[in-house]
Amino acid sequence: MKLYHFTARELTSLLSRLQGNAALIMEDGVAFALNSTLSLLYAVRMLMNQSRDGYLSPELRVERAEDCELILRYLMRRCARVSGWTA
């Protein structure tokens, strides 16, 4: 799934909550497995180097359905908060 307009802190916070195997896919097709904090930070740093405006828009692959649901719930809460649908 493609994620849009994330800060580095927001992205690392979300990805650190995933339970199963996940990978960040770079623009050039290189995939970084997120099985350790070091690989997560390195992948985020690579994304930051590719970013033009300071926001990250990575492609993410997850294996567990629960992780996909967690990300989708997060995105829905984020959308509701930004649009003013919730207090």
N, C-alpha and C. Protein backbone atom coordinates (compact mmCIF):
# COMPACT_ATOMS: atom_id res chain seq x y z
N MET A 1 0.83 -1.17 0.00
CA MET A 1 0.00 0.00 0.00
C MET A 1 0.89 1.24 0.00
N LYS A 2 0.40 2.28 -0.58
CA LYS A 2 1.13 3.53 -0.69
C LYS A 2 0.66 4.46 0.43
N LEU A 3 1.62 5.01 1.17
CA LEU A 3 1.33 5.98 2.22
C LEU A 3 1.76 7.35 1.72
N TYR A 4 1.01 8.38 2.10
CA TYR A 4 1.30 9.72 1.60
C TYR A 4 1.45 10.73 2.74
N HIS A 5 2.41 11.62 2.55
CA HIS A 5 2.57 12.83 3.38
C HIS A 5 2.76 12.51 4.86
N PHE A 6 3.76 11.70 5.17
CA PHE A 6 4.11 11.35 6.54
C PHE A 6 5.39 12.06 6.94
N THR A 7 5.47 12.47 8.20
CA THR A 7 6.75 12.94 8.73
C THR A 7 7.54 11.69 9.14
N ALA A 8 8.83 11.86 9.32
CA ALA A 8 9.67 10.73 9.72
C ALA A 8 9.22 10.18 11.07
N ARG A 9 8.90 11.05 12.00
CA ARG A 9 8.48 10.62 13.34
C ARG A 9 7.16 9.85 13.27
N GLU A 10 6.23 10.38 12.49
CA GLU A 10 4.92 9.74 12.35
C GLU A 10 5.07 8.36 11.71
N LEU A 11 5.90 8.25 10.70
CA LEU A 11 6.09 6.97 10.01
C LEU A 11 6.77 5.95 10.92
N THR A 12 7.83 6.33 11.61
CA THR A 12 8.51 5.38 12.49
C THR A 12 7.62 4.95 13.64
N SER A 13 6.80 5.86 14.15
CA SER A 13 5.87 5.50 15.21
C SER A 13 4.87 4.47 14.74
N LEU A 14 4.34 4.66 13.55
CA LEU A 14 3.37 3.71 13.00
C LEU A 14 4.02 2.36 12.72
N LEU A 15 5.16 2.38 12.07
CA LEU A 15 5.82 1.13 11.68
C LEU A 15 6.34 0.34 12.88
N SER A 16 6.66 1.01 13.96
CA SER A 16 7.15 0.29 15.14
C SER A 16 6.05 -0.52 15.81
N ARG A 17 4.79 -0.25 15.49
CA ARG A 17 3.66 -0.99 16.08
C ARG A 17 3.29 -2.23 15.28
N LEU A 18 3.89 -2.43 14.13
CA LEU A 18 3.56 -3.60 13.31
C LEU A 18 4.13 -4.86 13.96
N GLN A 19 3.37 -5.94 13.88
CA GLN A 19 3.77 -7.20 14.52
C GLN A 19 4.44 -8.18 13.56
N GLY A 20 4.02 -8.19 12.31
CA GLY A 20 4.53 -9.15 11.34
C GLY A 20 5.64 -8.57 10.48
N ASN A 21 6.00 -9.31 9.46
CA ASN A 21 7.02 -8.86 8.52
C ASN A 21 6.48 -7.72 7.67
N ALA A 22 7.31 -6.71 7.46
CA ALA A 22 6.94 -5.57 6.64
C ALA A 22 8.17 -5.11 5.88
N ALA A 23 7.93 -4.42 4.77
CA ALA A 23 9.03 -3.90 3.96
C ALA A 23 8.64 -2.54 3.41
N LEU A 24 9.60 -1.62 3.40
CA LEU A 24 9.44 -0.33 2.75
C LEU A 24 10.07 -0.42 1.38
N ILE A 25 9.33 0.01 0.37
CA ILE A 25 9.81 -0.06 -1.01
C ILE A 25 10.19 1.34 -1.45
N MET A 26 11.42 1.50 -1.89
CA MET A 26 11.91 2.80 -2.35
C MET A 26 11.43 3.07 -3.77
N GLU A 27 11.60 4.31 -4.22
CA GLU A 27 11.18 4.70 -5.57
C GLU A 27 11.87 3.88 -6.65
N ASP A 28 13.11 3.47 -6.41
CA ASP A 28 13.86 2.70 -7.40
C ASP A 28 13.61 1.20 -7.31
N GLY A 29 12.68 0.79 -6.42
CA GLY A 29 12.31 -0.62 -6.31
C GLY A 29 13.04 -1.39 -5.25
N VAL A 30 14.02 -0.80 -4.58
CA VAL A 30 14.75 -1.49 -3.52
C VAL A 30 13.83 -1.62 -2.31
N ALA A 31 13.80 -2.82 -1.73
CA ALA A 31 12.95 -3.08 -0.58
C ALA A 31 13.81 -3.23 0.68
N PHE A 32 13.38 -2.59 1.76
CA PHE A 32 14.04 -2.71 3.05
C PHE A 32 13.13 -3.47 4.00
N ALA A 33 13.57 -4.65 4.45
CA ALA A 33 12.81 -5.41 5.43
C ALA A 33 12.90 -4.68 6.77
N LEU A 34 11.78 -4.56 7.44
CA LEU A 34 11.73 -3.81 8.69
C LEU A 34 11.75 -4.75 9.89
N ASN A 35 12.70 -5.69 9.89
CA ASN A 35 12.77 -6.66 10.96
C ASN A 35 13.65 -6.19 12.13
N SER A 36 14.20 -5.01 12.04
CA SER A 36 14.96 -4.46 13.15
C SER A 36 14.83 -2.94 13.14
N THR A 37 15.12 -2.34 14.26
CA THR A 37 15.05 -0.88 14.37
C THR A 37 16.10 -0.23 13.48
N LEU A 38 17.26 -0.85 13.37
CA LEU A 38 18.31 -0.31 12.53
C LEU A 38 17.89 -0.26 11.07
N SER A 39 17.31 -1.33 10.57
CA SER A 39 16.87 -1.33 9.16
C SER A 39 15.73 -0.35 8.96
N LEU A 40 14.84 -0.18 9.95
CA LEU A 40 13.77 0.80 9.86
C LEU A 40 14.33 2.21 9.76
N LEU A 41 15.27 2.54 10.64
CA LEU A 41 15.86 3.88 10.62
C LEU A 41 16.65 4.14 9.34
N TYR A 42 17.34 3.13 8.84
CA TYR A 42 18.09 3.30 7.60
C TYR A 42 17.13 3.54 6.43
N ALA A 43 16.04 2.78 6.38
CA ALA A 43 15.05 2.96 5.31
C ALA A 43 14.42 4.34 5.38
N VAL A 44 14.09 4.80 6.58
CA VAL A 44 13.50 6.14 6.73
C VAL A 44 14.50 7.20 6.30
N ARG A 45 15.75 7.01 6.62
CA ARG A 45 16.79 7.96 6.20
C ARG A 45 16.90 8.00 4.68
N MET A 46 16.81 6.85 4.04
CA MET A 46 16.85 6.81 2.58
C MET A 46 15.64 7.55 1.99
N LEU A 47 14.47 7.36 2.61
CA LEU A 47 13.28 8.07 2.16
C LEU A 47 13.44 9.58 2.34
N MET A 48 14.05 9.98 3.44
CA MET A 48 14.27 11.40 3.68
C MET A 48 15.19 12.00 2.63
N ASN A 49 16.19 11.24 2.22
CA ASN A 49 17.09 11.71 1.17
C ASN A 49 16.38 11.87 -0.17
N GLN A 50 15.36 11.06 -0.43
CA GLN A 50 14.60 11.13 -1.68
C GLN A 50 13.51 12.20 -1.65
N SER A 51 13.16 12.66 -0.45
CA SER A 51 12.05 13.60 -0.31
C SER A 51 12.46 15.00 -0.74
N ARG A 52 11.55 15.68 -1.42
CA ARG A 52 11.82 17.05 -1.85
C ARG A 52 11.24 18.07 -0.88
N ASP A 53 10.16 17.70 -0.19
CA ASP A 53 9.48 18.65 0.68
C ASP A 53 9.56 18.29 2.16
N GLY A 54 10.30 17.27 2.52
CA GLY A 54 10.44 16.87 3.91
C GLY A 54 9.40 15.86 4.37
N TYR A 55 8.44 15.56 3.51
CA TYR A 55 7.43 14.57 3.84
C TYR A 55 7.72 13.28 3.09
N LEU A 56 7.38 12.16 3.71
CA LEU A 56 7.68 10.86 3.15
C LEU A 56 6.40 10.23 2.59
N SER A 57 6.53 9.59 1.45
CA SER A 57 5.40 8.90 0.81
C SER A 57 5.87 7.53 0.33
N PRO A 58 6.11 6.61 1.27
CA PRO A 58 6.65 5.31 0.88
C PRO A 58 5.57 4.32 0.47
N GLU A 59 6.03 3.29 -0.21
CA GLU A 59 5.17 2.14 -0.45
C GLU A 59 5.52 1.13 0.63
N LEU A 60 4.51 0.50 1.18
CA LEU A 60 4.70 -0.42 2.29
C LEU A 60 4.04 -1.75 1.96
N ARG A 61 4.74 -2.84 2.27
CA ARG A 61 4.18 -4.17 2.12
C ARG A 61 4.15 -4.84 3.49
N VAL A 62 3.01 -5.37 3.86
CA VAL A 62 2.89 -6.09 5.12
C VAL A 62 2.34 -7.48 4.84
N GLU A 63 2.69 -8.45 5.70
CA GLU A 63 2.23 -9.82 5.51
C GLU A 63 0.97 -10.12 6.31
N ARG A 64 0.84 -9.58 7.48
CA ARG A 64 -0.30 -9.89 8.36
C ARG A 64 -1.48 -8.98 8.06
N ALA A 65 -2.65 -9.58 8.02
CA ALA A 65 -3.89 -8.81 7.83
C ALA A 65 -4.11 -7.84 8.98
N GLU A 66 -3.69 -8.23 10.20
CA GLU A 66 -3.85 -7.37 11.37
C GLU A 66 -3.04 -6.09 11.22
N ASP A 67 -1.85 -6.20 10.63
CA ASP A 67 -1.02 -5.01 10.41
C ASP A 67 -1.66 -4.09 9.38
N CYS A 68 -2.23 -4.66 8.35
CA CYS A 68 -2.92 -3.87 7.33
C CYS A 68 -4.10 -3.14 7.96
N GLU A 69 -4.86 -3.82 8.81
CA GLU A 69 -5.98 -3.20 9.50
C GLU A 69 -5.52 -2.08 10.42
N LEU A 70 -4.41 -2.29 11.13
CA LEU A 70 -3.86 -1.26 12.01
C LEU A 70 -3.51 -0.01 11.21
N ILE A 71 -2.90 -0.17 10.07
CA ILE A 71 -2.52 0.97 9.24
C ILE A 71 -3.76 1.68 8.70
N LEU A 72 -4.73 0.91 8.25
CA LEU A 72 -5.96 1.52 7.73
C LEU A 72 -6.73 2.28 8.82
N ARG A 73 -6.80 1.72 10.03
CA ARG A 73 -7.45 2.44 11.14
C ARG A 73 -6.71 3.73 11.45
N TYR A 74 -5.38 3.67 11.43
CA TYR A 74 -4.58 4.87 11.67
C TYR A 74 -4.86 5.93 10.60
N LEU A 75 -4.90 5.51 9.34
CA LEU A 75 -5.15 6.46 8.25
C LEU A 75 -6.55 7.07 8.35
N MET A 76 -7.54 6.28 8.76
CA MET A 76 -8.89 6.80 8.91
C MET A 76 -8.96 7.81 10.05
N ARG A 77 -8.31 7.53 11.18
CA ARG A 77 -8.28 8.49 12.30
C ARG A 77 -7.54 9.76 11.89
N ARG A 78 -6.46 9.60 11.15
CA ARG A 78 -5.69 10.76 10.69
C ARG A 78 -6.51 11.63 9.75
N CYS A 79 -7.21 11.01 8.83
CA CYS A 79 -8.06 11.73 7.90
C CYS A 79 -9.18 12.46 8.64
N ALA A 80 -9.81 11.80 9.60
CA ALA A 80 -10.89 12.42 10.37
C ALA A 80 -10.37 13.60 11.17
N ARG A 81 -9.18 13.47 11.75
CA ARG A 81 -8.59 14.54 12.56
C ARG A 81 -8.25 15.75 11.70
N VAL A 82 -7.66 15.51 10.55
CA VAL A 82 -7.24 16.61 9.66
C VAL A 82 -8.45 17.31 9.05
N SER A 83 -9.49 16.56 8.74
CA SER A 83 -10.66 17.15 8.09
C SER A 83 -11.61 17.80 9.08
N GLY A 84 -11.41 17.56 10.37
CA GLY A 84 -12.27 18.17 11.37
C GLY A 84 -13.52 17.37 11.68
N TRP A 85 -13.59 16.11 11.26
CA TRP A 85 -14.76 15.27 11.52
C TRP A 85 -14.87 14.86 12.97
N THR A 86 -13.74 14.88 13.68
CA THR A 86 -13.76 14.50 15.10
C THR A 86 -13.26 15.67 15.92
N ALA A 87 -13.61 15.64 17.18
CA ALA A 87 -13.21 16.73 18.09
C ALA A 87 -11.80 16.54 18.58
